[in-house]
Amino acid sequence: MHAVLAATLAATLFAFGVVGNFGGGIIEWAAQNWLPLFKYHPGTYLTQIVIGLCFTAIYFFVFRFLILKFNFATPGREQDEEETKLYTKADYKAKQAEITSVKENKQSKAAKFLEALGGKENIEDVTNCATRLRVTVKDESKLASDKVFREAGAHGVVRNGKAIQVIVGLSVPQVREEFESLLVNN
């Protein structure tokens, strides 16, 4: 609908003999068209304003009609029936406890991965990419099966000799941080 209205606006402006650069926003429009040329073409710019205001109203009513008729979700008109809720202190504390348990889960993930990789002595290097914990091990025969990694929370394991990639997901930076602290502290 926007494409149709924009094309109609451009055709209407052209039909009235109004031309100019309308693509850069109101500041650029004023700086390139109105300020330098208004003295010589005031009728053109008044026509732009009148046509612009008319199309502003047309845009508003067309989109309002379409939004209401087809029940499109727009900000402030969410589809869910749930009302905005004010949270209590108890709700806040419950959410904080949930966040703490997620952190503890990441710590336990790192410990389980370290164990499945053959322990601290078997780790040579640790890095990560967006979703994978990349580990170089000394002895690949000490690695646990893929099932052990999945039970620890990995989505999968890629093995290429001594280069191992544990597919963790987007939480991999936190898991790596905990993994490295386990390497240093244990």
C-alpha atoms as a PDB file:
ATOM      1  CA  MET A   1       0.000   0.000   0.000  1.00  0.00           C
ATOM      2  CA  HIS A   2       2.869   2.362   0.786  1.00  0.00           C
ATOM      3  CA  ALA A   3       4.312   1.820  -2.700  1.00  0.00           C
ATOM      4  CA  VAL A   4       0.968   2.675  -4.314  1.00  0.00           C
ATOM      5  CA  LEU A   5       0.523   5.793  -2.173  1.00  0.00           C
ATOM      6  CA  ALA A   6       4.127   6.922  -2.741  1.00  0.00           C
ATOM      7  CA  ALA A   7       3.743   6.507  -6.504  1.00  0.00           C
ATOM      8  CA  THR A   8       0.443   8.412  -6.431  1.00  0.00           C
ATOM      9  CA  LEU A   9       2.101  11.207  -4.425  1.00  0.00           C
ATOM     10  CA  ALA A  10       4.972  11.425  -6.927  1.00  0.00           C
ATOM     11  CA  ALA A  11       2.557  11.463  -9.880  1.00  0.00           C
ATOM     12  CA  THR A  12       0.415  14.137  -8.212  1.00  0.00           C
ATOM     13  CA  LEU A  13       3.430  16.341  -7.511  1.00  0.00           C
ATOM     14  CA  PHE A  14       4.609  15.912 -11.109  1.00  0.00           C
ATOM     15  CA  ALA A  15       1.125  16.739 -12.445  1.00  0.00           C
ATOM     16  CA  PHE A  16       1.191  20.010 -10.508  1.00  0.00           C
ATOM     17  CA  GLY A  17       4.677  20.807 -11.848  1.00  0.00           C
ATOM     18  CA  VAL A  18       6.378  20.362  -8.480  1.00  0.00           C
ATOM     19  CA  VAL A  19       9.862  18.862  -8.700  1.00  0.00           C
ATOM     20  CA  GLY A  20      12.818  18.629  -6.366  1.00  0.00           C
ATOM     21  CA  ASN A  21      14.792  16.294  -4.147  1.00  0.00           C
ATOM     22  CA  PHE A  22      12.282  14.722  -1.731  1.00  0.00           C
ATOM     23  CA  GLY A  23      14.338  11.704  -0.633  1.00  0.00           C
ATOM     24  CA  GLY A  24      16.585  13.002   2.139  1.00  0.00           C
ATOM     25  CA  GLY A  25      14.229  14.097   4.882  1.00  0.00           C
ATOM     26  CA  ILE A  26      12.883  17.481   5.865  1.00  0.00           C
ATOM     27  CA  ILE A  27      16.236  19.072   6.777  1.00  0.00           C
ATOM     28  CA  GLU A  28      17.846  18.177   3.457  1.00  0.00           C
ATOM     29  CA  TRP A  29      14.640  19.106   1.633  1.00  0.00           C
ATOM     30  CA  ALA A  30      14.582  22.555   3.231  1.00  0.00           C
ATOM     31  CA  ALA A  31      18.324  23.092   2.763  1.00  0.00           C
ATOM     32  CA  GLN A  32      18.388  22.082  -0.910  1.00  0.00           C
ATOM     33  CA  ASN A  33      15.011  23.296  -2.114  1.00  0.00           C
ATOM     34  CA  TRP A  34      13.245  25.817   0.091  1.00  0.00           C
ATOM     35  CA  LEU A  35      15.993  28.026   1.467  1.00  0.00           C
ATOM     36  CA  PRO A  36      17.881  28.773  -1.736  1.00  0.00           C
ATOM     37  CA  LEU A  37      14.879  28.885  -4.089  1.00  0.00           C
ATOM     38  CA  PHE A  38      11.872  30.085  -2.063  1.00  0.00           C
ATOM     39  CA  LYS A  39      12.408  33.689  -3.105  1.00  0.00           C
ATOM     40  CA  TYR A  40      11.916  32.749  -6.769  1.00  0.00           C
ATOM     41  CA  HIS A  41       9.364  29.905  -6.499  1.00  0.00           C
ATOM     42  CA  PRO A  42       7.039  30.512  -3.519  1.00  0.00           C
ATOM     43  CA  GLY A  43       3.983  29.052  -5.303  1.00  0.00           C
ATOM     44  CA  THR A  44       5.785  25.767  -5.943  1.00  0.00           C
ATOM     45  CA  TYR A  45       6.681  25.337  -2.303  1.00  0.00           C
ATOM     46  CA  LEU A  46       3.213  26.254  -1.065  1.00  0.00           C
ATOM     47  CA  THR A  47       1.834  23.618  -3.469  1.00  0.00           C
ATOM     48  CA  GLN A  48       4.278  21.092  -1.993  1.00  0.00           C
ATOM     49  CA  ILE A  49       3.019  21.853   1.509  1.00  0.00           C
ATOM     50  CA  VAL A  50      -0.665  21.587   0.553  1.00  0.00           C
ATOM     51  CA  ILE A  51      -0.195  18.315  -1.366  1.00  0.00           C
ATOM     52  CA  GLY A  52       2.010  16.966   1.433  1.00  0.00           C
ATOM     53  CA  LEU A  53      -0.635  17.700   4.085  1.00  0.00           C
ATOM     54  CA  CYS A  54      -3.356  16.109   1.928  1.00  0.00           C
ATOM     55  CA  PHE A  55      -1.300  12.958   1.482  1.00  0.00           C
ATOM     56  CA  THR A  56      -0.466  12.888   5.183  1.00  0.00           C
ATOM     57  CA  ALA A  57      -4.200  12.645   5.869  1.00  0.00           C
ATOM     58  CA  ILE A  58      -4.657  10.047   3.109  1.00  0.00           C
ATOM     59  CA  TYR A  59      -1.801   7.922   4.503  1.00  0.00           C
ATOM     60  CA  PHE A  60      -3.256   8.154   8.028  1.00  0.00           C
ATOM     61  CA  PHE A  61      -6.783   7.106   7.094  1.00  0.00           C
ATOM     62  CA  VAL A  62      -5.741   4.358   4.659  1.00  0.00           C
ATOM     63  CA  PHE A  63      -3.327   2.739   7.112  1.00  0.00           C
ATOM     64  CA  ARG A  64      -5.718   3.185  10.047  1.00  0.00           C
ATOM     65  CA  PHE A  65      -8.436   1.441   8.051  1.00  0.00           C
ATOM     66  CA  LEU A  66      -6.111  -1.428   7.040  1.00  0.00           C
ATOM     67  CA  ILE A  67      -4.735  -1.886  10.556  1.00  0.00           C
ATOM     68  CA  LEU A  68      -8.204  -2.051  12.079  1.00  0.00           C
ATOM     69  CA  LYS A  69      -9.783  -4.149   9.295  1.00  0.00           C
ATOM     70  CA  PHE A  70      -7.060  -6.817   9.223  1.00  0.00           C
ATOM     71  CA  ASN A  71      -6.178  -6.482  12.941  1.00  0.00           C
ATOM     72  CA  PHE A  72      -2.452  -6.019  12.285  1.00  0.00           C
ATOM     73  CA  ALA A  73      -0.300  -6.055  15.408  1.00  0.00           C
ATOM     74  CA  THR A  74       1.335  -2.664  15.852  1.00  0.00           C
ATOM     75  CA  PRO A  75       3.133  -1.231  18.883  1.00  0.00           C
ATOM     76  CA  GLY A  76       0.497  -0.571  21.513  1.00  0.00           C
ATOM     77  CA  ARG A  77      -1.989  -2.959  19.863  1.00  0.00           C
ATOM     78  CA  GLU A  78      -0.418  -6.301  20.732  1.00  0.00           C
ATOM     79  CA  GLN A  79      -2.516  -9.357  19.951  1.00  0.00           C
ATOM     80  CA  ASP A  80      -2.229 -11.014  23.350  1.00  0.00           C
ATOM     81  CA  GLU A  81      -4.970 -10.545  25.889  1.00  0.00           C
ATOM     82  CA  GLU A  82      -2.548 -10.093  28.776  1.00  0.00           C
ATOM     83  CA  GLU A  83      -2.618  -6.698  30.417  1.00  0.00           C
ATOM     84  CA  THR A  84       0.418  -4.809  31.573  1.00  0.00           C
ATOM     85  CA  LYS A  85       1.409  -6.133  34.955  1.00  0.00           C
ATOM     86  CA  LEU A  86       3.034  -4.282  37.831  1.00  0.00           C
ATOM     87  CA  TYR A  87       5.576  -6.542  39.480  1.00  0.00           C
ATOM     88  CA  THR A  88       5.906  -6.950  43.233  1.00  0.00           C
ATOM     89  CA  LYS A  89       9.108  -7.278  45.188  1.00  0.00           C
ATOM     90  CA  ALA A  90       8.465 -11.037  45.432  1.00  0.00           C
ATOM     91  CA  ASP A  91       8.225 -11.257  41.622  1.00  0.00           C
ATOM     92  CA  TYR A  92      11.533  -9.395  41.324  1.00  0.00           C
ATOM     93  CA  LYS A  93      13.257 -11.711  43.820  1.00  0.00           C
ATOM     94  CA  ALA A  94      11.900 -14.777  41.995  1.00  0.00           C
ATOM     95  CA  LYS A  95      13.309 -13.456  38.717  1.00  0.00           C
ATOM     96  CA  GLN A  96      16.709 -12.824  40.348  1.00  0.00           C
ATOM     97  CA  ALA A  97      16.715 -16.390  41.705  1.00  0.00           C
ATOM     98  CA  GLU A  98      15.982 -17.652  38.194  1.00  0.00           C
ATOM     99  CA  ILE A  99      18.908 -15.642  36.798  1.00  0.00           C
ATOM    100  CA  THR A 100      21.181 -17.049  39.509  1.00  0.00           C
ATOM    101  CA  SER A 101      20.120 -20.606  38.668  1.00  0.00           C
ATOM    102  CA  VAL A 102      20.888 -19.951  34.980  1.00  0.00           C
ATOM    103  CA  LYS A 103      24.401 -18.767  35.967  1.00  0.00           C
ATOM    104  CA  GLU A 104      24.890 -21.869  38.100  1.00  0.00           C
ATOM    105  CA  ASN A 105      23.717 -23.985  35.162  1.00  0.00           C
ATOM    106  CA  LYS A 106      26.395 -22.382  32.963  1.00  0.00           C
ATOM    107  CA  GLN A 107      28.979 -23.129  35.638  1.00  0.00           C
ATOM    108  CA  SER A 108      27.880 -26.740  35.805  1.00  0.00           C
ATOM    109  CA  LYS A 109      27.928 -26.906  31.992  1.00  0.00           C
ATOM    110  CA  ALA A 110      31.543 -25.751  31.958  1.00  0.00           C
ATOM    111  CA  ALA A 111      32.519 -28.288  34.645  1.00  0.00           C
ATOM    112  CA  LYS A 112      30.760 -31.110  32.791  1.00  0.00           C
ATOM    113  CA  PHE A 113      32.414 -30.121  29.504  1.00  0.00           C
ATOM    114  CA  LEU A 114      35.824 -30.042  31.199  1.00  0.00           C
ATOM    115  CA  GLU A 115      35.258 -33.520  32.594  1.00  0.00           C
ATOM    116  CA  ALA A 116      34.025 -34.822  29.213  1.00  0.00           C
ATOM    117  CA  LEU A 117      37.106 -33.368  27.512  1.00  0.00           C
ATOM    118  CA  GLY A 118      39.392 -35.479  29.678  1.00  0.00           C
ATOM    119  CA  GLY A 119      40.043 -33.060  32.533  1.00  0.00           C
ATOM    120  CA  LYS A 120      42.239 -30.041  33.033  1.00  0.00           C
ATOM    121  CA  GLU A 121      45.440 -31.872  32.114  1.00  0.00           C
ATOM    122  CA  ASN A 122      44.094 -32.744  28.659  1.00  0.00           C
ATOM    123  CA  ILE A 123      43.332 -29.133  27.608  1.00  0.00           C
ATOM    124  CA  GLU A 124      45.876 -27.346  25.456  1.00  0.00           C
ATOM    125  CA  ASP A 125      43.949 -24.282  24.202  1.00  0.00           C
ATOM    126  CA  VAL A 126      40.438 -22.804  24.535  1.00  0.00           C
ATOM    127  CA  THR A 127      38.713 -20.263  22.270  1.00  0.00           C
ATOM    128  CA  ASN A 128      35.187 -19.717  21.070  1.00  0.00           C
ATOM    129  CA  CYS A 129      33.222 -18.434  18.111  1.00  0.00           C
ATOM    130  CA  ALA A 130      29.609 -17.261  18.153  1.00  0.00           C
ATOM    131  CA  THR A 131      28.118 -20.590  19.245  1.00  0.00           C
ATOM    132  CA  ARG A 132      30.968 -23.051  19.753  1.00  0.00           C
ATOM    133  CA  LEU A 133      33.532 -23.708  22.433  1.00  0.00           C
ATOM    134  CA  ARG A 134      36.712 -24.557  20.513  1.00  0.00           C
ATOM    135  CA  VAL A 135      39.154 -26.696  22.438  1.00  0.00           C
ATOM    136  CA  THR A 136      42.480 -28.231  21.460  1.00  0.00           C
ATOM    137  CA  VAL A 137      43.173 -31.360  23.499  1.00  0.00           C
ATOM    138  CA  LYS A 138      46.423 -33.246  24.065  1.00  0.00           C
ATOM    139  CA  ASP A 139      44.939 -36.741  23.790  1.00  0.00           C
ATOM    140  CA  GLU A 140      41.698 -37.271  21.873  1.00  0.00           C
ATOM    141  CA  SER A 141      41.336 -40.805  23.266  1.00  0.00           C
ATOM    142  CA  LYS A 142      40.400 -39.306  26.682  1.00  0.00           C
ATOM    143  CA  LEU A 143      37.268 -37.633  25.260  1.00  0.00           C
ATOM    144  CA  ALA A 144      33.831 -38.819  26.330  1.00  0.00           C
ATOM    145  CA  SER A 145      31.150 -39.836  23.843  1.00  0.00           C
ATOM    146  CA  ASP A 146      28.878 -37.303  22.141  1.00  0.00           C
ATOM    147  CA  LYS A 147      26.049 -38.513  24.373  1.00  0.00           C
ATOM    148  CA  VAL A 148      27.916 -37.279  27.483  1.00  0.00           C
ATOM    149  CA  PHE A 149      28.365 -33.835  25.909  1.00  0.00           C
ATOM    150  CA  ARG A 150      24.663 -33.655  24.994  1.00  0.00           C
ATOM    151  CA  GLU A 151      23.657 -34.656  28.529  1.00  0.00           C
ATOM    152  CA  ALA A 152      25.886 -31.817  29.801  1.00  0.00           C
ATOM    153  CA  GLY A 153      23.931 -29.320  27.679  1.00  0.00           C
ATOM    154  CA  ALA A 154      25.781 -29.250  24.345  1.00  0.00           C
ATOM    155  CA  HIS A 155      23.836 -29.238  21.095  1.00  0.00           C
ATOM    156  CA  GLY A 156      26.507 -31.381  19.508  1.00  0.00           C
ATOM    157  CA  VAL A 157      30.239 -32.007  19.124  1.00  0.00           C
ATOM    158  CA  VAL A 158      32.493 -31.677  16.098  1.00  0.00           C
ATOM    159  CA  ARG A 159      35.708 -33.672  16.255  1.00  0.00           C
ATOM    160  CA  ASN A 160      38.680 -33.156  13.983  1.00  0.00           C
ATOM    161  CA  GLY A 161      41.632 -34.934  15.530  1.00  0.00           C
ATOM    162  CA  LYS A 162      42.737 -32.909  18.547  1.00  0.00           C
ATOM    163  CA  ALA A 163      40.544 -29.951  17.570  1.00  0.00           C
ATOM    164  CA  ILE A 164      37.158 -30.258  19.276  1.00  0.00           C
ATOM    165  CA  GLN A 165      34.177 -27.936  18.900  1.00  0.00           C
ATOM    166  CA  VAL A 166      31.468 -28.198  21.536  1.00  0.00           C
ATOM    167  CA  ILE A 167      28.297 -26.579  20.154  1.00  0.00           C
ATOM    168  CA  VAL A 168      26.966 -24.616  23.128  1.00  0.00           C
ATOM    169  CA  GLY A 169      24.788 -21.873  21.632  1.00  0.00           C
ATOM    170  CA  LEU A 170      24.752 -18.129  22.208  1.00  0.00           C
ATOM    171  CA  SER A 171      25.737 -18.512  25.867  1.00  0.00           C
ATOM    172  CA  VAL A 172      29.195 -19.750  24.817  1.00  0.00           C
ATOM    173  CA  PRO A 173      31.105 -16.621  26.035  1.00  0.00           C
ATOM    174  CA  GLN A 174      29.853 -17.145  29.586  1.00  0.00           C
ATOM    175  CA  VAL A 175      30.521 -20.889  29.433  1.00  0.00           C
ATOM    176  CA  ARG A 176      34.049 -20.221  28.129  1.00  0.00           C
ATOM    177  CA  GLU A 177      34.711 -17.715  30.901  1.00  0.00           C
ATOM    178  CA  GLU A 178      33.685 -20.260  33.529  1.00  0.00           C
ATOM    179  CA  PHE A 179      35.603 -23.002  31.689  1.00  0.00           C
ATOM    180  CA  GLU A 180      38.787 -20.928  31.781  1.00  0.00           C
ATOM    181  CA  SER A 181      38.320 -20.113  35.462  1.00  0.00           C
ATOM    182  CA  LEU A 182      38.015 -23.845  36.160  1.00  0.00           C
ATOM    183  CA  LEU A 183      41.302 -24.405  34.311  1.00  0.00           C
ATOM    184  CA  VAL A 184      43.059 -21.778  36.424  1.00  0.00           C
ATOM    185  CA  ASN A 185      41.500 -22.559  39.803  1.00  0.00           C
ATOM    186  CA  ASN A 186      41.541 -26.356  39.836  1.00  0.00           C
END
